[in-house]
Protein backbone atom coordinates (compact mmCIF):
# COMPACT_ATOMS: atom_id res chain seq x y z
CA UNK A 1 24.47 -15.09 3.07
CA UNK A 2 26.77 -16.95 1.14
CA UNK A 3 25.29 -18.80 -1.95
CA UNK A 4 25.54 -22.41 -1.87
CA UNK A 5 24.70 -25.16 -4.37
CA UNK A 6 20.96 -25.12 -5.45
CA UNK A 7 20.57 -21.38 -4.84
CA UNK A 8 19.46 -19.10 -7.53
CA UNK A 9 22.14 -16.95 -9.21
CA UNK A 10 21.60 -13.30 -8.76
CA UNK A 11 22.99 -11.16 -11.38
CA UNK A 12 25.80 -8.83 -10.52
CA UNK A 13 25.42 -5.20 -10.44
CA UNK A 14 26.56 -3.29 -13.66
CA UNK A 15 27.38 0.24 -13.79
CA UNK A 16 25.16 2.49 -11.57
CA UNK A 17 22.72 -0.17 -10.65
CA UNK A 18 21.48 -0.62 -7.03
CA UNK A 19 22.52 -3.80 -5.06
CA UNK A 20 19.52 -5.60 -3.61
CA UNK A 21 19.73 -7.58 -0.53
CA UNK A 22 17.26 -9.57 1.63
CA UNK A 23 17.23 -8.14 5.21
CA UNK A 24 15.13 -11.02 6.54
CA UNK A 25 14.61 -14.81 5.79
CA UNK A 26 10.78 -13.97 5.30
CA UNK A 27 11.37 -11.48 2.56
CA UNK A 28 13.65 -14.22 0.85
CA UNK A 29 10.95 -16.78 1.00
CA UNK A 30 8.06 -14.02 -0.02
CA UNK A 31 10.21 -13.22 -2.92
CA UNK A 32 10.34 -16.68 -4.32
CA UNK A 33 6.66 -17.02 -3.71
CA UNK A 34 5.93 -13.77 -5.55
CA UNK A 35 8.23 -14.93 -8.62
CA UNK A 36 6.24 -18.12 -8.69
CA UNK A 37 2.88 -16.28 -8.76
CA UNK A 38 3.66 -13.58 -11.01
CA UNK A 39 7.09 -13.96 -12.65
CA UNK A 40 6.81 -10.93 -15.06
CA UNK A 41 5.79 -8.51 -12.56
CA UNK A 42 8.29 -9.64 -10.03
CA UNK A 43 11.13 -9.19 -12.60
CA UNK A 44 9.71 -5.65 -13.34
CA UNK A 45 9.88 -5.03 -9.60
CA UNK A 46 13.59 -6.28 -9.47
CA UNK A 47 14.64 -4.19 -12.50
CA UNK A 48 12.86 -0.80 -10.96
CA UNK A 49 14.55 -1.35 -7.57
CA UNK A 50 17.97 -2.06 -9.48
CA UNK A 51 17.73 0.92 -11.51
CA UNK A 52 16.01 3.57 -9.38
CA UNK A 53 14.46 2.49 -6.19
CA UNK A 54 13.33 5.91 -5.23
CA UNK A 55 11.49 6.66 -8.48
CA UNK A 56 8.43 8.75 -8.13
CA UNK A 57 7.36 7.98 -11.89
CA UNK A 58 4.50 5.80 -10.87
CA UNK A 59 3.48 6.61 -7.38
CA UNK A 60 0.63 3.94 -7.47
CA UNK A 61 3.11 1.39 -7.92
CA UNK A 62 6.25 2.69 -6.18
CA UNK A 63 6.31 5.02 -3.35
CA UNK A 64 7.76 5.94 -0.04
CA UNK A 65 5.60 4.97 3.04
CA UNK A 66 4.17 7.52 5.20
CA UNK A 67 3.58 7.99 8.92
CA UNK A 68 4.99 5.48 11.30
CA UNK A 69 6.07 3.43 8.15
CA UNK A 70 8.16 5.99 6.55
CA UNK A 71 11.44 4.68 8.10
CA UNK A 72 12.66 1.31 9.06
CA UNK A 73 15.59 0.04 11.18
CA UNK A 74 18.32 -2.23 10.22
CA UNK A 75 21.14 -2.98 12.18
CA UNK A 76 20.66 -0.01 14.51
CA UNK A 77 20.50 2.50 11.48
CA UNK A 78 17.18 4.25 10.25
CA UNK A 79 16.45 4.33 6.50
CA UNK A 80 13.77 5.68 4.48
CA UNK A 81 11.09 2.93 3.71
CA UNK A 82 9.54 2.29 0.38
CA UNK A 83 6.95 -0.02 -1.10
CA UNK A 84 6.52 -1.54 -4.61
CA UNK A 85 3.18 -2.99 -5.48
CA UNK A 86 3.86 -6.24 -7.59
CA UNK A 87 0.33 -7.34 -7.90
CA UNK A 88 -3.15 -6.30 -6.57
CA UNK A 89 -2.10 -7.82 -3.15
CA UNK A 90 1.56 -8.58 -3.33
CA UNK A 91 4.09 -6.17 -2.14
CA UNK A 92 7.67 -5.65 -1.58
CA UNK A 93 8.87 -3.15 1.17
CA UNK A 94 12.23 -2.21 1.29
CA UNK A 95 14.67 0.26 2.97
CA UNK A 96 17.02 2.56 0.95
CA UNK A 97 20.73 3.05 1.96
CA UNK A 98 21.57 5.93 -0.47
CA UNK A 99 25.02 6.52 0.28
CA UNK A 100 25.89 2.53 -0.22
CA UNK A 101 23.57 2.16 -3.04
CA UNK A 102 21.97 -0.83 -1.26
CA UNK A 103 18.29 -1.82 -1.25
CA UNK A 104 17.19 -3.87 1.76
CA UNK A 105 14.21 -5.90 1.10
CA UNK A 106 12.47 -6.38 4.47
CA UNK A 107 9.05 -7.63 3.27
CA UNK A 108 7.86 -9.49 0.32
CA UNK A 109 4.73 -11.44 0.16
CA UNK A 110 1.87 -12.32 -2.26
CA UNK A 111 -0.49 -10.78 0.48
CA UNK A 112 -0.88 -7.15 1.40
CA UNK A 113 0.65 -6.14 4.67
CA UNK A 114 -1.77 -6.11 7.58
CA UNK A 115 -0.15 -3.04 9.25
CA UNK A 116 -1.54 -0.76 6.55
CA UNK A 117 -5.26 -2.01 6.77
């Protein structure tokens, strides 16, 4: 997606940071809602995904999904799917393209996803 006038400016990656991309329009909208509701937590999520999207240092907050949700498909390719808990209900789900160092945000919402209830 090409940025246009009025869009937020995303900081460029520096050094060994990962590139974050929205995989869906819904994820982009949800990210904005998360930032409005919990800006500090959303910023911490952004920084965590930029630095190490597969970190296992805090598994209660950031972890790989299991079972049928363990992988996700994007553009005909399958990727490991992870989740970051932004707030008690807010979540970000993302696919990790390790060779290209890209994190594809597929879900972001202030509400917990229904498929894990």
